[in-house]
Amino acid sequence: MTDVIQIFKSVERIKKPDYSTETRHLLHKWGDSIVSKTGYLSDGTLVLPIDKKQEPDLVTADLVIVQDINGFDPFFVEKFWDKTNLPSWFIDSRKNYVLAANRQLICFNQLLRKEAFEIFRIGKNESGTFDLYLNYSSNEFHIGIPKRDDHKIAELKLNQPIRYKVNGKSDFTMTGRKQRTFIEYDYIFEYLGKADRMEFKDLNKIEMIKSMPDNKYKLVDERKILK
């Protein structure tokens, strides 16, 4: 059987002139629902897009993370690049880069050790729930300053969503100084339970409206006042 975690994610990078209290408020305001094509768990069946059927880790995965990213549709990205007149080598490289940077289906094995996932580490504990950690030491460049210690954020239990917010600022790129940029992360994690089978459907049959957890989540807000 495979554990399934649903994540709703919003990540925004904002230049200093556009960073204000009003902007931050709008960034962290979710709607009541989201239209999703990434997959869902229903009555013990994990339903996924048919183009993911050949994913090498799916069959043996101990954990599958289904992620819906605010403002990002991978299927639109694929169609957009395919309709351009640019060279195929460029289209493929650019498409692969965008999709790799915005993965919406993630598989893990050996969950008794902590696995790296974006700015986090996640692992299954002996009680059968999941421990979620901030992995700042490996993501200092992505999160920015102020510096933070690696630490446990929360325990993720069945149908008890966790919303996690963190922010940072950066004045540098790998090549030198740049205009100050502010980064705002907003994640909602929900452990949905176990899947005992997988089913693959065409995109026109998998689209569904997912309700946001609203105020039923536990909020862990580690944002700082940045200037």
C-alpha atoms as a PDB file:
ATOM      1  CA  MET A   1       0.000   0.000   0.000  1.00  0.00           C
ATOM      2  CA  THR A   2       1.103   3.553  -0.746  1.00  0.00           C
ATOM      3  CA  ASP A   3       0.699   6.606   1.481  1.00  0.00           C
ATOM      4  CA  VAL A   4      -0.653   9.707  -0.251  1.00  0.00           C
ATOM      5  CA  ILE A   5      -0.036  13.323   0.728  1.00  0.00           C
ATOM      6  CA  GLN A   6      -1.770  16.250  -0.964  1.00  0.00           C
ATOM      7  CA  ILE A   7       0.040  19.585  -1.109  1.00  0.00           C
ATOM      8  CA  PHE A   8      -1.235  22.997  -2.169  1.00  0.00           C
ATOM      9  CA  LYS A   9       1.680  25.321  -2.831  1.00  0.00           C
ATOM     10  CA  SER A  10       2.308  28.983  -3.577  1.00  0.00           C
ATOM     11  CA  VAL A  11       5.807  30.413  -4.033  1.00  0.00           C
ATOM     12  CA  GLU A  12       6.341  34.021  -5.100  1.00  0.00           C
ATOM     13  CA  ARG A  13       9.467  36.081  -5.691  1.00  0.00           C
ATOM     14  CA  ILE A  14       8.884  39.815  -5.459  1.00  0.00           C
ATOM     15  CA  LYS A  15      11.211  42.724  -6.255  1.00  0.00           C
ATOM     16  CA  LYS A  16      11.632  45.336  -3.523  1.00  0.00           C
ATOM     17  CA  PRO A  17       9.496  48.095  -5.160  1.00  0.00           C
ATOM     18  CA  ASP A  18       6.502  45.724  -5.277  1.00  0.00           C
ATOM     19  CA  TYR A  19       6.855  44.290  -1.773  1.00  0.00           C
ATOM     20  CA  SER A  20       4.229  45.743   0.576  1.00  0.00           C
ATOM     21  CA  THR A  21       1.760  44.730   3.285  1.00  0.00           C
ATOM     22  CA  GLU A  22      -1.038  44.652   0.698  1.00  0.00           C
ATOM     23  CA  THR A  23       0.998  42.432  -1.636  1.00  0.00           C
ATOM     24  CA  ARG A  24       1.830  39.962   1.115  1.00  0.00           C
ATOM     25  CA  HIS A  25      -1.826  39.767   2.140  1.00  0.00           C
ATOM     26  CA  LEU A  26      -2.938  38.944  -1.412  1.00  0.00           C
ATOM     27  CA  LEU A  27      -0.218  36.313  -1.863  1.00  0.00           C
ATOM     28  CA  HIS A  28      -1.406  34.300   1.120  1.00  0.00           C
ATOM     29  CA  LYS A  29      -5.108  34.453   0.274  1.00  0.00           C
ATOM     30  CA  TRP A  30      -6.372  31.153  -1.149  1.00  0.00           C
ATOM     31  CA  GLY A  31      -9.753  30.620  -2.795  1.00  0.00           C
ATOM     32  CA  ASP A  32     -12.314  28.094  -1.586  1.00  0.00           C
ATOM     33  CA  SER A  33     -11.312  25.555  -4.225  1.00  0.00           C
ATOM     34  CA  ILE A  34      -8.848  24.806  -7.015  1.00  0.00           C
ATOM     35  CA  VAL A  35      -9.285  23.081 -10.391  1.00  0.00           C
ATOM     36  CA  SER A  36      -6.810  20.202 -10.484  1.00  0.00           C
ATOM     37  CA  LYS A  37      -5.603  17.712 -13.093  1.00  0.00           C
ATOM     38  CA  THR A  38      -2.767  16.270 -11.033  1.00  0.00           C
ATOM     39  CA  GLY A  39      -4.586  13.369  -9.371  1.00  0.00           C
ATOM     40  CA  TYR A  40      -6.554  12.427  -6.271  1.00  0.00           C
ATOM     41  CA  LEU A  41      -7.262   9.632  -3.780  1.00  0.00           C
ATOM     42  CA  SER A  42     -10.764   8.130  -3.763  1.00  0.00           C
ATOM     43  CA  ASP A  43     -11.903   5.029  -1.834  1.00  0.00           C
ATOM     44  CA  GLY A  44      -8.393   3.620  -1.658  1.00  0.00           C
ATOM     45  CA  THR A  45      -7.650   4.265  -5.344  1.00  0.00           C
ATOM     46  CA  LEU A  46      -5.005   6.793  -6.370  1.00  0.00           C
ATOM     47  CA  VAL A  47      -6.168   8.297  -9.669  1.00  0.00           C
ATOM     48  CA  LEU A  48      -3.405   9.864 -11.767  1.00  0.00           C
ATOM     49  CA  PRO A  49      -2.954  11.339 -15.281  1.00  0.00           C
ATOM     50  CA  ILE A  50      -2.345   8.648 -17.871  1.00  0.00           C
ATOM     51  CA  ASP A  51       0.878  10.321 -19.038  1.00  0.00           C
ATOM     52  CA  LYS A  52       2.382   9.457 -15.618  1.00  0.00           C
ATOM     53  CA  LYS A  53       1.825   5.723 -16.109  1.00  0.00           C
ATOM     54  CA  GLN A  54       5.476   5.117 -17.032  1.00  0.00           C
ATOM     55  CA  GLU A  55       6.900   6.936 -13.986  1.00  0.00           C
ATOM     56  CA  PRO A  56       9.529   4.433 -12.753  1.00  0.00           C
ATOM     57  CA  ASP A  57       8.926   4.913  -9.023  1.00  0.00           C
ATOM     58  CA  LEU A  58       5.130   4.783  -8.920  1.00  0.00           C
ATOM     59  CA  VAL A  59       4.644   1.034  -8.632  1.00  0.00           C
ATOM     60  CA  THR A  60       7.094   0.597  -5.741  1.00  0.00           C
ATOM     61  CA  ALA A  61       6.560   3.963  -4.010  1.00  0.00           C
ATOM     62  CA  ASP A  62       5.946   4.004  -0.272  1.00  0.00           C
ATOM     63  CA  LEU A  63       4.759   7.613  -0.545  1.00  0.00           C
ATOM     64  CA  VAL A  64       3.292   9.618  -3.416  1.00  0.00           C
ATOM     65  CA  ILE A  65       2.960  13.394  -3.080  1.00  0.00           C
ATOM     66  CA  VAL A  66       0.325  14.996  -5.308  1.00  0.00           C
ATOM     67  CA  GLN A  67       1.008  18.703  -5.582  1.00  0.00           C
ATOM     68  CA  ASP A  68      -1.169  21.517  -6.933  1.00  0.00           C
ATOM     69  CA  ILE A  69       0.854  24.675  -7.553  1.00  0.00           C
ATOM     70  CA  ASN A  70      -0.952  27.991  -7.462  1.00  0.00           C
ATOM     71  CA  GLY A  71      -0.796  29.657 -10.878  1.00  0.00           C
ATOM     72  CA  PHE A  72       0.950  26.762 -12.641  1.00  0.00           C
ATOM     73  CA  ASP A  73      -0.590  24.284 -15.095  1.00  0.00           C
ATOM     74  CA  PRO A  74       1.975  21.780 -16.478  1.00  0.00           C
ATOM     75  CA  PHE A  75      -0.312  20.694 -19.294  1.00  0.00           C
ATOM     76  CA  PHE A  76      -0.734  24.268 -20.498  1.00  0.00           C
ATOM     77  CA  VAL A  77       3.054  24.695 -20.427  1.00  0.00           C
ATOM     78  CA  GLU A  78       3.546  21.621 -22.614  1.00  0.00           C
ATOM     79  CA  LYS A  79       0.963  22.755 -25.162  1.00  0.00           C
ATOM     80  CA  PHE A  80       2.332  26.310 -25.218  1.00  0.00           C
ATOM     81  CA  TRP A  81       5.860  25.243 -26.118  1.00  0.00           C
ATOM     82  CA  ASP A  82       4.664  22.717 -28.696  1.00  0.00           C
ATOM     83  CA  LYS A  83       2.832  25.489 -30.600  1.00  0.00           C
ATOM     84  CA  THR A  84       5.884  27.705 -31.018  1.00  0.00           C
ATOM     85  CA  ASN A  85       8.121  27.763 -34.104  1.00  0.00           C
ATOM     86  CA  LEU A  86      11.317  27.514 -32.081  1.00  0.00           C
ATOM     87  CA  PRO A  87      13.830  24.695 -32.701  1.00  0.00           C
ATOM     88  CA  SER A  88      12.779  21.366 -31.193  1.00  0.00           C
ATOM     89  CA  TRP A  89      15.985  21.052 -29.134  1.00  0.00           C
ATOM     90  CA  PHE A  90      15.231  24.402 -27.482  1.00  0.00           C
ATOM     91  CA  ILE A  91      11.559  23.586 -26.911  1.00  0.00           C
ATOM     92  CA  ASP A  92      12.413  20.257 -25.275  1.00  0.00           C
ATOM     93  CA  SER A  93      15.130  21.711 -23.050  1.00  0.00           C
ATOM     94  CA  ARG A  94      12.992  24.640 -21.934  1.00  0.00           C
ATOM     95  CA  LYS A  95       9.915  22.483 -21.358  1.00  0.00           C
ATOM     96  CA  ASN A  96      11.909  19.959 -19.342  1.00  0.00           C
ATOM     97  CA  TYR A  97      13.435  22.741 -17.242  1.00  0.00           C
ATOM     98  CA  VAL A  98      10.062  24.285 -16.384  1.00  0.00           C
ATOM     99  CA  LEU A  99       8.451  20.937 -15.559  1.00  0.00           C
ATOM    100  CA  ALA A 100      11.419  19.769 -13.478  1.00  0.00           C
ATOM    101  CA  ALA A 101      11.282  22.988 -11.464  1.00  0.00           C
ATOM    102  CA  ASN A 102       7.551  22.532 -10.846  1.00  0.00           C
ATOM    103  CA  ARG A 103       7.157  18.812 -10.152  1.00  0.00           C
ATOM    104  CA  GLN A 104       3.584  17.922  -9.245  1.00  0.00           C
ATOM    105  CA  LEU A 105       4.005  14.187  -8.682  1.00  0.00           C
ATOM    106  CA  ILE A 106       6.783  13.042  -6.350  1.00  0.00           C
ATOM    107  CA  CYS A 107       7.532   9.472  -5.239  1.00  0.00           C
ATOM    108  CA  PHE A 108       9.564   8.250  -2.260  1.00  0.00           C
ATOM    109  CA  ASN A 109      10.727   4.925  -0.844  1.00  0.00           C
ATOM    110  CA  GLN A 110      12.327   3.976   2.489  1.00  0.00           C
ATOM    111  CA  LEU A 111      10.322   6.454   4.543  1.00  0.00           C
ATOM    112  CA  LEU A 112      11.916   5.529   7.863  1.00  0.00           C
ATOM    113  CA  ARG A 113      14.704   7.907   6.866  1.00  0.00           C
ATOM    114  CA  LYS A 114      14.076  11.576   6.187  1.00  0.00           C
ATOM    115  CA  GLU A 115      13.694  12.324   2.465  1.00  0.00           C
ATOM    116  CA  ALA A 116      14.471  15.725   0.950  1.00  0.00           C
ATOM    117  CA  PHE A 117      11.484  17.443  -0.629  1.00  0.00           C
ATOM    118  CA  GLU A 118      11.958  21.028  -1.863  1.00  0.00           C
ATOM    119  CA  ILE A 119      12.791  23.132   1.237  1.00  0.00           C
ATOM    120  CA  PHE A 120      11.773  20.303   3.579  1.00  0.00           C
ATOM    121  CA  ARG A 121      12.650  16.856   4.839  1.00  0.00           C
ATOM    122  CA  ILE A 122       9.854  14.395   5.440  1.00  0.00           C
ATOM    123  CA  GLY A 123       9.864  10.974   7.072  1.00  0.00           C
ATOM    124  CA  LYS A 124       7.460   8.419   8.464  1.00  0.00           C
ATOM    125  CA  ASN A 125       7.719   7.767  12.187  1.00  0.00           C
ATOM    126  CA  GLU A 126       6.993   4.611  14.181  1.00  0.00           C
ATOM    127  CA  SER A 127       3.420   5.698  14.944  1.00  0.00           C
ATOM    128  CA  GLY A 128       2.597   5.771  11.225  1.00  0.00           C
ATOM    129  CA  THR A 129       2.349   9.555  10.909  1.00  0.00           C
ATOM    130  CA  PHE A 130       4.802  11.857   9.132  1.00  0.00           C
ATOM    131  CA  ASP A 131       7.336  14.282  10.578  1.00  0.00           C
ATOM    132  CA  LEU A 132       7.893  17.462   8.568  1.00  0.00           C
ATOM    133  CA  TYR A 133      11.162  19.391   8.923  1.00  0.00           C
ATOM    134  CA  LEU A 134      12.516  22.644   7.513  1.00  0.00           C
ATOM    135  CA  ASN A 135      15.729  21.870   5.620  1.00  0.00           C
ATOM    136  CA  TYR A 136      17.210  25.363   5.635  1.00  0.00           C
ATOM    137  CA  SER A 137      20.859  24.273   5.559  1.00  0.00           C
ATOM    138  CA  SER A 138      20.389  22.759   2.085  1.00  0.00           C
ATOM    139  CA  ASN A 139      18.166  25.573   0.803  1.00  0.00           C
ATOM    140  CA  GLU A 140      19.724  28.748   2.180  1.00  0.00           C
ATOM    141  CA  PHE A 141      20.059  30.237  -1.309  1.00  0.00           C
ATOM    142  CA  HIS A 142      16.400  29.500  -2.138  1.00  0.00           C
ATOM    143  CA  ILE A 143      14.901  30.749   1.138  1.00  0.00           C
ATOM    144  CA  GLY A 144      17.265  33.662   1.757  1.00  0.00           C
ATOM    145  CA  ILE A 145      17.925  35.479   5.003  1.00  0.00           C
ATOM    146  CA  PRO A 146      17.433  35.671   7.941  1.00  0.00           C
ATOM    147  CA  LYS A 147      19.171  32.373   8.593  1.00  0.00           C
ATOM    148  CA  ARG A 148      17.197  29.648  10.311  1.00  0.00           C
ATOM    149  CA  ASP A 149      18.078  26.406  12.051  1.00  0.00           C
ATOM    150  CA  ASP A 150      16.922  23.104  10.619  1.00  0.00           C
ATOM    151  CA  HIS A 151      14.009  22.021  12.795  1.00  0.00           C
ATOM    152  CA  LYS A 152      10.833  19.982  13.035  1.00  0.00           C
ATOM    153  CA  ILE A 153       7.790  21.942  11.859  1.00  0.00           C
ATOM    154  CA  ALA A 154       4.947  19.588  12.700  1.00  0.00           C
ATOM    155  CA  GLU A 155       3.628  16.038  12.783  1.00  0.00           C
ATOM    156  CA  LEU A 156       1.387  15.325   9.820  1.00  0.00           C
ATOM    157  CA  LYS A 157      -1.566  13.128  10.827  1.00  0.00           C
ATOM    158  CA  LEU A 158      -4.415  11.645   8.813  1.00  0.00           C
ATOM    159  CA  ASN A 159      -6.871  14.311   7.630  1.00  0.00           C
ATOM    160  CA  GLN A 160      -5.312  16.983   9.872  1.00  0.00           C
ATOM    161  CA  PRO A 161      -3.856  19.541   7.433  1.00  0.00           C
ATOM    162  CA  ILE A 162      -0.845  21.696   8.242  1.00  0.00           C
ATOM    163  CA  ARG A 163      -0.336  25.112   6.661  1.00  0.00           C
ATOM    164  CA  TYR A 164       3.255  26.358   6.715  1.00  0.00           C
ATOM    165  CA  LYS A 165       4.490  29.835   5.825  1.00  0.00           C
ATOM    166  CA  VAL A 166       8.054  31.084   5.655  1.00  0.00           C
ATOM    167  CA  ASN A 167       9.775  33.978   3.904  1.00  0.00           C
ATOM    168  CA  GLY A 168      13.213  35.410   3.205  1.00  0.00           C
ATOM    169  CA  LYS A 169      15.118  37.998   1.231  1.00  0.00           C
ATOM    170  CA  SER A 170      18.119  37.925  -1.071  1.00  0.00           C
ATOM    171  CA  ASP A 171      20.434  40.578  -2.483  1.00  0.00           C
ATOM    172  CA  PHE A 172      22.642  38.238  -4.507  1.00  0.00           C
ATOM    173  CA  THR A 173      22.637  35.715  -7.302  1.00  0.00           C
ATOM    174  CA  MET A 174      25.359  33.150  -7.940  1.00  0.00           C
ATOM    175  CA  THR A 175      27.016  35.677 -10.269  1.00  0.00           C
ATOM    176  CA  GLY A 176      26.906  38.789  -8.127  1.00  0.00           C
ATOM    177  CA  ARG A 177      24.781  41.503  -6.564  1.00  0.00           C
ATOM    178  CA  LYS A 178      21.243  42.206  -7.775  1.00  0.00           C
ATOM    179  CA  GLN A 179      18.140  44.088  -6.713  1.00  0.00           C
ATOM    180  CA  ARG A 180      16.722  42.862  -3.416  1.00  0.00           C
ATOM    181  CA  THR A 181      14.183  40.071  -3.864  1.00  0.00           C
ATOM    182  CA  PHE A 182      11.672  38.813  -1.315  1.00  0.00           C
ATOM    183  CA  ILE A 183      10.506  35.183  -1.335  1.00  0.00           C
ATOM    184  CA  GLU A 184       7.189  34.072   0.151  1.00  0.00           C
ATOM    185  CA  TYR A 185       6.446  30.350   0.645  1.00  0.00           C
ATOM    186  CA  ASP A 186       2.974  29.077   1.515  1.00  0.00           C
ATOM    187  CA  TYR A 187       2.253  25.314   1.716  1.00  0.00           C
ATOM    188  CA  ILE A 188      -0.759  23.295   2.843  1.00  0.00           C
ATOM    189  CA  PHE A 189       0.036  19.631   3.616  1.00  0.00           C
ATOM    190  CA  GLU A 190      -2.675  17.000   4.073  1.00  0.00           C
ATOM    191  CA  TYR A 191      -2.069  13.284   4.661  1.00  0.00           C
ATOM    192  CA  LEU A 192      -4.969  11.629   2.809  1.00  0.00           C
ATOM    193  CA  GLY A 193      -4.329   8.006   3.773  1.00  0.00           C
ATOM    194  CA  LYS A 194      -3.299   4.862   1.898  1.00  0.00           C
ATOM    195  CA  ALA A 195      -3.910   3.726  -1.669  1.00  0.00           C
ATOM    196  CA  ASP A 196      -4.166  -0.003  -2.368  1.00  0.00           C
ATOM    197  CA  ARG A 197      -4.364   0.476  -6.134  1.00  0.00           C
ATOM    198  CA  MET A 198      -3.615   3.026  -8.859  1.00  0.00           C
ATOM    199  CA  GLU A 199      -5.750   4.010 -11.820  1.00  0.00           C
ATOM    200  CA  PHE A 200      -4.729   6.178 -14.758  1.00  0.00           C
ATOM    201  CA  LYS A 201      -7.149   8.415 -16.644  1.00  0.00           C
ATOM    202  CA  ASP A 202      -7.041  10.819 -19.586  1.00  0.00           C
ATOM    203  CA  LEU A 203      -6.847  14.524 -18.712  1.00  0.00           C
ATOM    204  CA  ASN A 204     -10.450  15.150 -19.785  1.00  0.00           C
ATOM    205  CA  LYS A 205     -11.586  12.561 -17.227  1.00  0.00           C
ATOM    206  CA  ILE A 206      -9.328  13.371 -14.294  1.00  0.00           C
ATOM    207  CA  GLU A 207     -10.034  17.081 -13.833  1.00  0.00           C
ATOM    208  CA  MET A 208     -11.764  17.788 -10.537  1.00  0.00           C
ATOM    209  CA  ILE A 209     -12.414  20.608  -8.120  1.00  0.00           C
ATOM    210  CA  LYS A 210     -10.479  20.188  -4.887  1.00  0.00           C
ATOM    211  CA  SER A 211     -11.804  22.019  -1.844  1.00  0.00           C
ATOM    212  CA  MET A 212      -9.211  23.920   0.147  1.00  0.00           C
ATOM    213  CA  PRO A 213      -8.902  22.917   3.831  1.00  0.00           C
ATOM    214  CA  ASP A 214      -9.899  26.517   4.736  1.00  0.00           C
ATOM    215  CA  ASN A 215      -9.514  27.120   8.494  1.00  0.00           C
ATOM    216  CA  LYS A 216      -9.472  23.424   9.365  1.00  0.00           C
ATOM    217  CA  TYR A 217      -5.675  23.365   9.220  1.00  0.00           C
ATOM    218  CA  LYS A 218      -3.069  23.989  11.886  1.00  0.00           C
ATOM    219  CA  LEU A 219      -1.072  27.101  10.966  1.00  0.00           C
ATOM    220  CA  VAL A 220       2.689  27.263  11.497  1.00  0.00           C
ATOM    221  CA  ASP A 221       3.747  30.774  10.479  1.00  0.00           C
ATOM    222  CA  GLU A 222       7.512  31.384  10.581  1.00  0.00           C
ATOM    223  CA  ARG A 223       7.563  34.521   8.454  1.00  0.00           C
ATOM    224  CA  LYS A 224       9.682  37.446   9.610  1.00  0.00           C
ATOM    225  CA  ILE A 225       9.223  41.191   9.161  1.00  0.00           C
ATOM    226  CA  LEU A 226      11.522  41.998   6.231  1.00  0.00           C
ATOM    227  CA  LYS A 227      12.702  45.344   4.866  1.00  0.00           C
END
